[in-house]
Amino acid sequence: MNAREASSYLCVVLGGARSGKSRLALKLAGQACPRAFVATAEAGDEEMAARIRRHQRERDPSWETQEIPIDVSGWLATRGTAYKTVVIDCLTLWLANLLGGGIQDSRVLSHVDDLMKSVRMIPGTVVLVSNEVGMGIVPGDAATRQFRDCAGAMNQRVAEVADAVYLAVSGLPVKLK
């Protein structure tokens, strides 16, 4: 996975909750059309449904929204190549969906690798959004520590193969790579 296809460009936007990472991702994605916004969130309760609606209102109508909670790699491989720009928001929810669907944490990185292979098939720009969950206190319970560790390993793997990596802090972009 070290060699990237000449026509693909991968950018990763990391940040904490409400840091401005989704807004930054849309800005970094550019204007090339057609473009798809792949949403991994599921509206499990009214609060999450309201968040989803707010994000939808913030997007320009030229974005085609695809709601794909788990099989993002499959969608990219079968339909993603029709787009010049793809934003996937967010990998942390995708990870939670994988783990909630029974994927063992020892298999997470193989799913991340599959995702990266599919991302590189896109003939344009792909921007991945993910939460940086390792900058706070050490969680008090084993399950939360396990999730934090899986998310950290995922983010490291994605950042390693990305062409550019940004950290969103209080709505400001900090370029890391």
N, C-alpha and C. Protein backbone atom coordinates (compact mmCIF):
# COMPACT_ATOMS: atom_id res chain seq x y z
N MET A 1 0.80 -1.20 0.00
CA MET A 1 0.00 0.00 0.00
C MET A 1 0.85 1.27 0.00
N ASN A 2 2.15 1.17 -0.15
CA ASN A 2 2.96 2.37 -0.12
C ASN A 2 2.85 3.18 -1.40
N ALA A 3 2.68 2.50 -2.53
CA ALA A 3 2.57 3.23 -3.79
C ALA A 3 1.13 3.70 -3.98
N ARG A 4 0.99 4.96 -4.32
CA ARG A 4 -0.35 5.48 -4.55
C ARG A 4 -0.58 5.63 -6.03
N GLU A 5 -1.81 5.44 -6.42
CA GLU A 5 -2.16 5.64 -7.81
C GLU A 5 -2.06 7.12 -8.14
N ALA A 6 -1.59 7.43 -9.35
CA ALA A 6 -1.34 8.81 -9.73
C ALA A 6 -2.58 9.68 -9.64
N SER A 7 -3.75 9.10 -9.84
CA SER A 7 -4.96 9.91 -9.88
C SER A 7 -5.66 10.03 -8.53
N SER A 8 -5.19 9.33 -7.51
CA SER A 8 -5.87 9.40 -6.22
C SER A 8 -5.10 10.30 -5.25
N TYR A 9 -5.85 10.99 -4.41
CA TYR A 9 -5.27 11.85 -3.40
C TYR A 9 -6.05 11.62 -2.11
N LEU A 10 -5.34 11.26 -1.06
CA LEU A 10 -5.97 10.95 0.22
C LEU A 10 -5.57 11.97 1.28
N CYS A 11 -6.57 12.58 1.87
CA CYS A 11 -6.38 13.55 2.95
C CYS A 11 -7.15 13.05 4.17
N VAL A 12 -6.54 13.19 5.34
CA VAL A 12 -7.17 12.78 6.59
C VAL A 12 -7.33 14.01 7.47
N VAL A 13 -8.50 14.15 8.07
CA VAL A 13 -8.77 15.23 9.02
C VAL A 13 -9.12 14.60 10.36
N LEU A 14 -8.27 14.87 11.34
CA LEU A 14 -8.47 14.38 12.70
C LEU A 14 -8.90 15.55 13.58
N GLY A 15 -9.53 15.23 14.70
CA GLY A 15 -9.89 16.29 15.64
C GLY A 15 -10.80 15.75 16.72
N GLY A 16 -10.99 16.55 17.73
CA GLY A 16 -11.88 16.19 18.81
C GLY A 16 -13.32 16.50 18.45
N ALA A 17 -14.21 16.19 19.38
CA ALA A 17 -15.63 16.48 19.17
C ALA A 17 -15.84 17.98 19.01
N ARG A 18 -16.62 18.38 18.01
CA ARG A 18 -16.98 19.76 17.74
C ARG A 18 -15.76 20.65 17.47
N SER A 19 -14.72 20.05 16.89
CA SER A 19 -13.48 20.78 16.60
C SER A 19 -13.50 21.46 15.23
N GLY A 20 -14.51 21.17 14.41
CA GLY A 20 -14.59 21.75 13.07
C GLY A 20 -14.03 20.83 12.00
N LYS A 21 -13.84 19.56 12.33
CA LYS A 21 -13.23 18.64 11.38
C LYS A 21 -14.10 18.38 10.16
N SER A 22 -15.40 18.26 10.30
CA SER A 22 -16.27 18.01 9.14
C SER A 22 -16.27 19.21 8.20
N ARG A 23 -16.35 20.40 8.75
CA ARG A 23 -16.32 21.62 7.93
C ARG A 23 -14.99 21.73 7.19
N LEU A 24 -13.89 21.44 7.89
CA LEU A 24 -12.57 21.46 7.26
C LEU A 24 -12.48 20.42 6.15
N ALA A 25 -13.02 19.23 6.39
CA ALA A 25 -12.98 18.18 5.37
C ALA A 25 -13.68 18.61 4.10
N LEU A 26 -14.84 19.24 4.23
CA LEU A 26 -15.58 19.71 3.05
C LEU A 26 -14.79 20.78 2.30
N LYS A 27 -14.12 21.63 3.04
CA LYS A 27 -13.30 22.67 2.41
C LYS A 27 -12.11 22.06 1.67
N LEU A 28 -11.42 21.12 2.32
CA LEU A 28 -10.25 20.49 1.71
C LEU A 28 -10.61 19.62 0.52
N ALA A 29 -11.84 19.12 0.48
CA ALA A 29 -12.27 18.24 -0.60
C ALA A 29 -12.31 18.97 -1.94
N GLY A 30 -12.57 20.25 -1.92
CA GLY A 30 -12.61 21.02 -3.16
C GLY A 30 -13.97 20.95 -3.84
N GLN A 31 -13.99 21.39 -5.07
CA GLN A 31 -15.25 21.55 -5.80
C GLN A 31 -15.47 20.56 -6.94
N ALA A 32 -14.54 19.65 -7.17
CA ALA A 32 -14.66 18.73 -8.31
C ALA A 32 -15.90 17.85 -8.16
N CYS A 33 -16.70 17.80 -9.20
CA CYS A 33 -17.94 17.01 -9.20
C CYS A 33 -17.82 15.91 -10.25
N PRO A 34 -18.57 14.86 -10.09
CA PRO A 34 -19.52 14.59 -9.01
C PRO A 34 -18.79 14.28 -7.70
N ARG A 35 -19.51 14.55 -6.60
CA ARG A 35 -18.91 14.31 -5.30
C ARG A 35 -19.91 13.64 -4.36
N ALA A 36 -19.35 12.76 -3.54
CA ALA A 36 -20.18 11.98 -2.61
C ALA A 36 -19.73 12.22 -1.19
N PHE A 37 -20.71 12.32 -0.31
CA PHE A 37 -20.47 12.40 1.12
C PHE A 37 -20.95 11.08 1.71
N VAL A 38 -20.01 10.27 2.21
CA VAL A 38 -20.34 8.98 2.79
C VAL A 38 -20.47 9.15 4.29
N ALA A 39 -21.68 9.00 4.77
CA ALA A 39 -21.99 9.15 6.20
C ALA A 39 -22.04 7.78 6.85
N THR A 40 -21.24 7.61 7.90
CA THR A 40 -21.23 6.32 8.60
C THR A 40 -22.12 6.32 9.83
N ALA A 41 -22.64 7.48 10.21
CA ALA A 41 -23.47 7.58 11.41
C ALA A 41 -24.85 6.98 11.17
N GLU A 42 -25.39 6.44 12.22
CA GLU A 42 -26.77 5.95 12.22
C GLU A 42 -27.53 6.72 13.29
N ALA A 43 -28.75 7.08 12.96
CA ALA A 43 -29.58 7.85 13.90
C ALA A 43 -30.23 6.91 14.90
N GLY A 44 -29.47 6.52 15.90
CA GLY A 44 -29.98 5.60 16.91
C GLY A 44 -30.89 6.24 17.94
N ASP A 45 -30.83 7.58 18.03
CA ASP A 45 -31.69 8.30 18.96
C ASP A 45 -31.95 9.69 18.38
N GLU A 46 -32.82 10.45 19.02
CA GLU A 46 -33.21 11.76 18.49
C GLU A 46 -32.05 12.74 18.47
N GLU A 47 -31.19 12.69 19.46
CA GLU A 47 -30.04 13.61 19.50
C GLU A 47 -29.13 13.36 18.30
N MET A 48 -28.86 12.09 17.98
CA MET A 48 -28.01 11.77 16.83
C MET A 48 -28.72 12.14 15.54
N ALA A 49 -30.01 11.93 15.47
CA ALA A 49 -30.77 12.31 14.28
C ALA A 49 -30.68 13.82 14.06
N ALA A 50 -30.72 14.60 15.12
CA ALA A 50 -30.60 16.06 15.00
C ALA A 50 -29.21 16.44 14.52
N ARG A 51 -28.17 15.75 14.99
CA ARG A 51 -26.80 16.01 14.53
C ARG A 51 -26.69 15.73 13.03
N ILE A 52 -27.26 14.62 12.61
CA ILE A 52 -27.21 14.25 11.19
C ILE A 52 -27.91 15.31 10.35
N ARG A 53 -29.09 15.74 10.78
CA ARG A 53 -29.81 16.79 10.04
C ARG A 53 -29.00 18.08 9.96
N ARG A 54 -28.35 18.45 11.05
CA ARG A 54 -27.53 19.67 11.05
C ARG A 54 -26.38 19.55 10.05
N HIS A 55 -25.71 18.42 10.04
CA HIS A 55 -24.62 18.20 9.08
C HIS A 55 -25.14 18.25 7.65
N GLN A 56 -26.30 17.67 7.40
CA GLN A 56 -26.88 17.69 6.05
C GLN A 56 -27.17 19.11 5.60
N ARG A 57 -27.70 19.93 6.49
CA ARG A 57 -28.00 21.34 6.15
C ARG A 57 -26.74 22.13 5.84
N GLU A 58 -25.62 21.78 6.48
CA GLU A 58 -24.37 22.50 6.28
C GLU A 58 -23.69 22.17 4.96
N ARG A 59 -24.08 21.06 4.33
CA ARG A 59 -23.46 20.66 3.07
C ARG A 59 -24.13 21.31 1.89
N ASP A 60 -23.33 21.69 0.93
CA ASP A 60 -23.81 22.20 -0.36
C ASP A 60 -24.65 21.11 -1.02
N PRO A 61 -25.73 21.47 -1.71
CA PRO A 61 -26.60 20.45 -2.31
C PRO A 61 -25.93 19.64 -3.42
N SER A 62 -24.75 20.05 -3.88
CA SER A 62 -24.07 19.26 -4.92
C SER A 62 -23.48 17.96 -4.37
N TRP A 63 -23.44 17.83 -3.07
CA TRP A 63 -22.96 16.57 -2.46
C TRP A 63 -24.07 15.52 -2.51
N GLU A 64 -23.75 14.36 -3.01
CA GLU A 64 -24.67 13.21 -2.97
C GLU A 64 -24.37 12.45 -1.69
N THR A 65 -25.34 12.38 -0.79
CA THR A 65 -25.14 11.70 0.48
C THR A 65 -25.40 10.21 0.34
N GLN A 66 -24.45 9.43 0.79
CA GLN A 66 -24.55 7.97 0.83
C GLN A 66 -24.44 7.56 2.29
N GLU A 67 -25.45 6.88 2.82
CA GLU A 67 -25.42 6.44 4.21
C GLU A 67 -24.94 4.99 4.25
N ILE A 68 -23.69 4.81 4.70
CA ILE A 68 -23.06 3.49 4.69
C ILE A 68 -22.37 3.26 6.03
N PRO A 69 -23.03 2.62 6.96
CA PRO A 69 -22.47 2.47 8.30
C PRO A 69 -21.32 1.47 8.41
N ILE A 70 -21.27 0.46 7.54
CA ILE A 70 -20.24 -0.58 7.71
C ILE A 70 -19.46 -0.85 6.42
N ASP A 71 -20.11 -1.16 5.32
CA ASP A 71 -19.41 -1.62 4.12
C ASP A 71 -18.94 -0.47 3.24
N VAL A 72 -18.15 0.42 3.82
CA VAL A 72 -17.62 1.55 3.08
C VAL A 72 -16.68 1.06 1.98
N SER A 73 -15.84 0.07 2.27
CA SER A 73 -14.92 -0.47 1.27
C SER A 73 -15.68 -1.02 0.07
N GLY A 74 -16.73 -1.76 0.33
CA GLY A 74 -17.53 -2.34 -0.76
C GLY A 74 -18.17 -1.26 -1.61
N TRP A 75 -18.70 -0.21 -0.97
CA TRP A 75 -19.30 0.88 -1.73
C TRP A 75 -18.25 1.59 -2.58
N LEU A 76 -17.08 1.86 -2.00
CA LEU A 76 -16.02 2.51 -2.76
C LEU A 76 -15.64 1.68 -3.98
N ALA A 77 -15.51 0.38 -3.79
CA ALA A 77 -15.08 -0.51 -4.88
C ALA A 77 -16.13 -0.62 -5.98
N THR A 78 -17.40 -0.58 -5.62
CA THR A 78 -18.46 -0.79 -6.62
C THR A 78 -19.04 0.49 -7.19
N ARG A 79 -19.11 1.55 -6.37
CA ARG A 79 -19.76 2.78 -6.83
C ARG A 79 -18.90 4.02 -6.69
N GLY A 80 -17.90 3.96 -5.83
CA GLY A 80 -17.10 5.14 -5.53
C GLY A 80 -16.30 5.68 -6.70
N THR A 81 -15.93 4.82 -7.62
CA THR A 81 -15.11 5.28 -8.75
C THR A 81 -15.86 6.21 -9.69
N ALA A 82 -17.15 6.35 -9.51
CA ALA A 82 -17.94 7.28 -10.33
C ALA A 82 -17.77 8.73 -9.87
N TYR A 83 -17.09 8.94 -8.74
CA TYR A 83 -16.97 10.27 -8.14
C TYR A 83 -15.55 10.80 -8.25
N LYS A 84 -15.44 12.11 -8.42
CA LYS A 84 -14.13 12.78 -8.41
C LYS A 84 -13.73 13.20 -7.01
N THR A 85 -14.71 13.29 -6.13
CA THR A 85 -14.46 13.71 -4.75
C THR A 85 -15.35 12.87 -3.82
N VAL A 86 -14.73 12.35 -2.76
CA VAL A 86 -15.47 11.58 -1.75
C VAL A 86 -15.00 12.02 -0.37
N VAL A 87 -15.95 12.34 0.49
CA VAL A 87 -15.66 12.59 1.90
C VAL A 87 -16.32 11.47 2.69
N ILE A 88 -15.55 10.85 3.57
CA ILE A 88 -16.08 9.79 4.43
C ILE A 88 -16.03 10.32 5.86
N ASP A 89 -17.21 10.45 6.47
CA ASP A 89 -17.34 11.07 7.79
C ASP A 89 -18.24 10.20 8.66
N CYS A 90 -17.78 9.47 9.62
CA CYS A 90 -16.42 9.49 10.08
C CYS A 90 -15.94 8.08 10.37
N LEU A 91 -14.63 7.93 10.38
CA LEU A 91 -14.03 6.62 10.61
C LEU A 91 -14.25 6.12 12.03
N THR A 92 -14.36 7.01 12.98
CA THR A 92 -14.57 6.58 14.36
C THR A 92 -15.93 5.92 14.53
N LEU A 93 -16.96 6.48 13.89
CA LEU A 93 -18.27 5.84 13.93
C LEU A 93 -18.25 4.54 13.13
N TRP A 94 -17.54 4.53 12.01
CA TRP A 94 -17.38 3.29 11.24
C TRP A 94 -16.75 2.21 12.11
N LEU A 95 -15.71 2.57 12.85
CA LEU A 95 -15.07 1.62 13.77
C LEU A 95 -16.06 1.11 14.81
N ALA A 96 -16.83 2.02 15.40
CA ALA A 96 -17.83 1.61 16.39
C ALA A 96 -18.86 0.67 15.77
N ASN A 97 -19.24 0.95 14.52
CA ASN A 97 -20.19 0.08 13.81
C ASN A 97 -19.58 -1.30 13.56
N LEU A 98 -18.30 -1.34 13.16
CA LEU A 98 -17.63 -2.63 12.95
C LEU A 98 -17.59 -3.44 14.24
N LEU A 99 -17.12 -2.81 15.30
CA LEU A 99 -17.01 -3.52 16.58
C LEU A 99 -18.38 -3.92 17.11
N GLY A 100 -19.37 -3.05 16.95
CA GLY A 100 -20.73 -3.37 17.36
C GLY A 100 -21.35 -4.47 16.52
N GLY A 101 -20.85 -4.64 15.31
CA GLY A 101 -21.33 -5.70 14.42
C GLY A 101 -20.62 -7.03 14.61
N GLY A 102 -19.72 -7.07 15.60
CA GLY A 102 -19.08 -8.35 15.92
C GLY A 102 -17.66 -8.52 15.41
N ILE A 103 -17.11 -7.52 14.74
CA ILE A 103 -15.73 -7.63 14.29
C ILE A 103 -14.81 -7.57 15.51
N GLN A 104 -13.89 -8.51 15.60
CA GLN A 104 -12.95 -8.53 16.72
C GLN A 104 -11.91 -7.43 16.55
N ASP A 105 -11.49 -6.83 17.66
CA ASP A 105 -10.52 -5.74 17.57
C ASP A 105 -9.22 -6.18 16.89
N SER A 106 -8.88 -7.47 16.96
CA SER A 106 -7.68 -7.97 16.29
C SER A 106 -7.82 -7.94 14.77
N ARG A 107 -9.02 -7.79 14.24
CA ARG A 107 -9.27 -7.76 12.79
C ARG A 107 -9.48 -6.34 12.27
N VAL A 108 -9.50 -5.36 13.15
CA VAL A 108 -9.79 -3.99 12.74
C VAL A 108 -8.82 -3.50 11.68
N LEU A 109 -7.52 -3.70 11.90
CA LEU A 109 -6.54 -3.16 10.96
C LEU A 109 -6.63 -3.80 9.58
N SER A 110 -7.07 -5.04 9.49
CA SER A 110 -7.27 -5.64 8.16
C SER A 110 -8.43 -4.95 7.44
N HIS A 111 -9.46 -4.55 8.18
CA HIS A 111 -10.56 -3.79 7.59
C HIS A 111 -10.09 -2.39 7.17
N VAL A 112 -9.23 -1.80 7.97
CA VAL A 112 -8.66 -0.49 7.62
C VAL A 112 -7.82 -0.61 6.35
N ASP A 113 -7.02 -1.67 6.25
CA ASP A 113 -6.21 -1.88 5.05
C ASP A 113 -7.09 -2.07 3.82
N ASP A 114 -8.18 -2.81 3.96
CA ASP A 114 -9.13 -2.97 2.85
C ASP A 114 -9.72 -1.62 2.44
N LEU A 115 -10.05 -0.81 3.43
CA LEU A 115 -10.59 0.52 3.14
C LEU A 115 -9.57 1.36 2.37
N MET A 116 -8.30 1.31 2.79
CA MET A 116 -7.28 2.11 2.12
C MET A 116 -7.08 1.65 0.67
N LYS A 117 -7.15 0.36 0.43
CA LYS A 117 -7.05 -0.14 -0.96
C LYS A 117 -8.21 0.38 -1.79
N SER A 118 -9.40 0.38 -1.22
CA SER A 118 -10.58 0.88 -1.94
C SER A 118 -10.49 2.38 -2.17
N VAL A 119 -9.99 3.11 -1.19
CA VAL A 119 -9.83 4.56 -1.31
C VAL A 119 -8.93 4.89 -2.49
N ARG A 120 -7.87 4.14 -2.67
CA ARG A 120 -6.91 4.41 -3.73
C ARG A 120 -7.45 4.10 -5.12
N MET A 121 -8.62 3.50 -5.20
CA MET A 121 -9.26 3.24 -6.49
C MET A 121 -10.06 4.45 -6.97
N ILE A 122 -10.27 5.43 -6.11
CA ILE A 122 -11.06 6.61 -6.46
C ILE A 122 -10.21 7.53 -7.34
N PRO A 123 -10.71 7.92 -8.51
CA PRO A 123 -9.93 8.75 -9.42
C PRO A 123 -9.99 10.24 -9.08
N GLY A 124 -9.63 10.57 -7.88
CA GLY A 124 -9.70 11.97 -7.45
C GLY A 124 -9.34 12.09 -5.99
N THR A 125 -10.04 12.93 -5.28
CA THR A 125 -9.74 13.25 -3.89
C THR A 125 -10.67 12.51 -2.95
N VAL A 126 -10.08 11.93 -1.92
CA VAL A 126 -10.84 11.32 -0.83
C VAL A 126 -10.37 11.98 0.46
N VAL A 127 -11.33 12.46 1.25
CA VAL A 127 -11.03 13.04 2.56
C VAL A 127 -11.71 12.18 3.61
N LEU A 128 -10.91 11.69 4.53
CA LEU A 128 -11.41 10.87 5.64
C LEU A 128 -11.43 11.71 6.90
N VAL A 129 -12.51 11.60 7.66
CA VAL A 129 -12.65 12.32 8.92
C VAL A 129 -12.62 11.29 10.05
N SER A 130 -11.87 11.60 11.10
CA SER A 130 -11.81 10.69 12.24
C SER A 130 -11.59 11.48 13.52
N ASN A 131 -12.12 10.98 14.60
CA ASN A 131 -11.92 11.62 15.90
C ASN A 131 -10.57 11.22 16.47
N GLU A 132 -9.90 12.18 17.05
CA GLU A 132 -8.68 11.91 17.83
C GLU A 132 -9.15 11.71 19.25
N VAL A 133 -9.20 10.44 19.67
CA VAL A 133 -9.78 10.13 20.98
C VAL A 133 -8.72 9.87 22.05
N GLY A 134 -7.45 9.94 21.71
CA GLY A 134 -6.41 9.59 22.66
C GLY A 134 -5.76 10.75 23.38
N MET A 135 -6.34 11.94 23.31
CA MET A 135 -5.70 13.10 23.92
C MET A 135 -6.26 13.45 25.29
N GLY A 136 -7.24 12.68 25.74
CA GLY A 136 -7.86 12.97 27.04
C GLY A 136 -7.31 12.06 28.12
N ILE A 137 -8.07 11.94 29.18
CA ILE A 137 -7.65 11.09 30.28
C ILE A 137 -7.77 9.62 29.88
N VAL A 138 -7.06 8.76 30.57
CA VAL A 138 -7.16 7.33 30.33
C VAL A 138 -8.53 6.86 30.82
N PRO A 139 -9.30 6.24 29.93
CA PRO A 139 -10.64 5.79 30.34
C PRO A 139 -10.58 4.82 31.52
N GLY A 140 -11.61 4.86 32.34
CA GLY A 140 -11.64 4.05 33.56
C GLY A 140 -12.06 2.61 33.34
N ASP A 141 -12.64 2.29 32.19
CA ASP A 141 -13.09 0.91 31.98
C ASP A 141 -12.38 0.29 30.78
N ALA A 142 -12.27 -1.02 30.81
CA ALA A 142 -11.52 -1.76 29.79
C ALA A 142 -12.10 -1.61 28.39
N ALA A 143 -13.43 -1.62 28.27
CA ALA A 143 -14.06 -1.53 26.94
C ALA A 143 -13.76 -0.19 26.28
N THR A 144 -13.80 0.88 27.04
CA THR A 144 -13.51 2.20 26.49
C THR A 144 -12.03 2.32 26.14
N ARG A 145 -11.15 1.78 26.97
CA ARG A 145 -9.72 1.78 26.65
C ARG A 145 -9.45 0.98 25.38
N GLN A 146 -10.14 -0.13 25.22
CA GLN A 146 -9.98 -0.97 24.01
C GLN A 146 -10.41 -0.19 22.78
N PHE A 147 -11.54 0.51 22.86
CA PHE A 147 -12.00 1.30 21.72
C PHE A 147 -11.00 2.40 21.40
N ARG A 148 -10.53 3.10 22.43
CA ARG A 148 -9.54 4.17 22.23
C ARG A 148 -8.29 3.62 21.55
N ASP A 149 -7.84 2.45 21.99
CA ASP A 149 -6.64 1.84 21.41
C ASP A 149 -6.87 1.45 19.95
N CYS A 150 -8.03 0.88 19.65
CA CYS A 150 -8.36 0.52 18.25
C CYS A 150 -8.43 1.77 17.39
N ALA A 151 -9.06 2.83 17.90
CA ALA A 151 -9.16 4.08 17.14
C ALA A 151 -7.78 4.68 16.91
N GLY A 152 -6.93 4.64 17.90
CA GLY A 152 -5.57 5.16 17.74
C GLY A 152 -4.79 4.38 16.70
N ALA A 153 -4.89 3.06 16.73
CA ALA A 153 -4.19 2.23 15.74
C ALA A 153 -4.74 2.50 14.34
N MET A 154 -6.06 2.63 14.23
CA MET A 154 -6.69 2.94 12.94
C MET A 154 -6.19 4.27 12.41
N ASN A 155 -6.21 5.30 13.25
CA ASN A 155 -5.78 6.62 12.82
C ASN A 155 -4.32 6.63 12.40
N GLN A 156 -3.47 5.90 13.12
CA GLN A 156 -2.06 5.81 12.73
C GLN A 156 -1.90 5.17 11.36
N ARG A 157 -2.64 4.09 11.12
CA ARG A 157 -2.53 3.37 9.85
C ARG A 157 -2.99 4.26 8.70
N VAL A 158 -4.09 4.96 8.89
CA VAL A 158 -4.63 5.83 7.85
C VAL A 158 -3.69 7.01 7.60
N ALA A 159 -3.19 7.62 8.66
CA ALA A 159 -2.28 8.77 8.51
C ALA A 159 -0.99 8.35 7.81
N GLU A 160 -0.54 7.15 8.07
CA GLU A 160 0.70 6.65 7.46
C GLU A 160 0.62 6.64 5.93
N VAL A 161 -0.52 6.25 5.39
CA VAL A 161 -0.65 6.12 3.93
C VAL A 161 -1.25 7.35 3.27
N ALA A 162 -1.68 8.32 4.07
CA ALA A 162 -2.31 9.52 3.52
C ALA A 162 -1.29 10.45 2.87
N ASP A 163 -1.77 11.22 1.90
CA ASP A 163 -0.94 12.24 1.27
C ASP A 163 -0.86 13.50 2.13
N ALA A 164 -1.91 13.78 2.88
CA ALA A 164 -1.95 14.95 3.76
C ALA A 164 -2.77 14.59 5.00
N VAL A 165 -2.37 15.16 6.14
CA VAL A 165 -3.08 14.93 7.40
C VAL A 165 -3.21 16.27 8.10
N TYR A 166 -4.44 16.57 8.53
CA TYR A 166 -4.72 17.80 9.26
C TYR A 166 -5.32 17.45 10.61
N LEU A 167 -5.07 18.33 11.58
CA LEU A 167 -5.72 18.25 12.88
C LEU A 167 -6.57 19.50 13.02
N ALA A 168 -7.85 19.33 13.28
CA ALA A 168 -8.75 20.48 13.49
C ALA A 168 -8.76 20.79 14.98
N VAL A 169 -8.43 22.03 15.31
CA VAL A 169 -8.40 22.47 16.71
C VAL A 169 -9.18 23.78 16.79
N SER A 170 -10.29 23.77 17.50
CA SER A 170 -11.12 24.98 17.67
C SER A 170 -11.43 25.65 16.35
N GLY A 171 -11.73 24.83 15.34
CA GLY A 171 -12.09 25.34 14.03
C GLY A 171 -10.92 25.74 13.17
N LEU A 172 -9.70 25.56 13.65
CA LEU A 172 -8.52 25.93 12.89
C LEU A 172 -7.78 24.70 12.40
N PRO A 173 -7.29 24.71 11.16
CA PRO A 173 -6.54 23.56 10.64
C PRO A 173 -5.06 23.65 11.03
N VAL A 174 -4.53 22.53 11.48
CA VAL A 174 -3.10 22.40 11.74
C VAL A 174 -2.61 21.28 10.82
N LYS A 175 -1.76 21.62 9.86
CA LYS A 175 -1.27 20.61 8.92
C LYS A 175 -0.17 19.79 9.59
N LEU A 176 -0.36 18.47 9.63
CA LEU A 176 0.60 17.57 10.23
C LEU A 176 1.49 16.91 9.19
N LYS A 177 0.93 16.71 8.01
CA LYS A 177 1.67 16.01 6.94
C LYS A 177 1.24 16.58 5.61
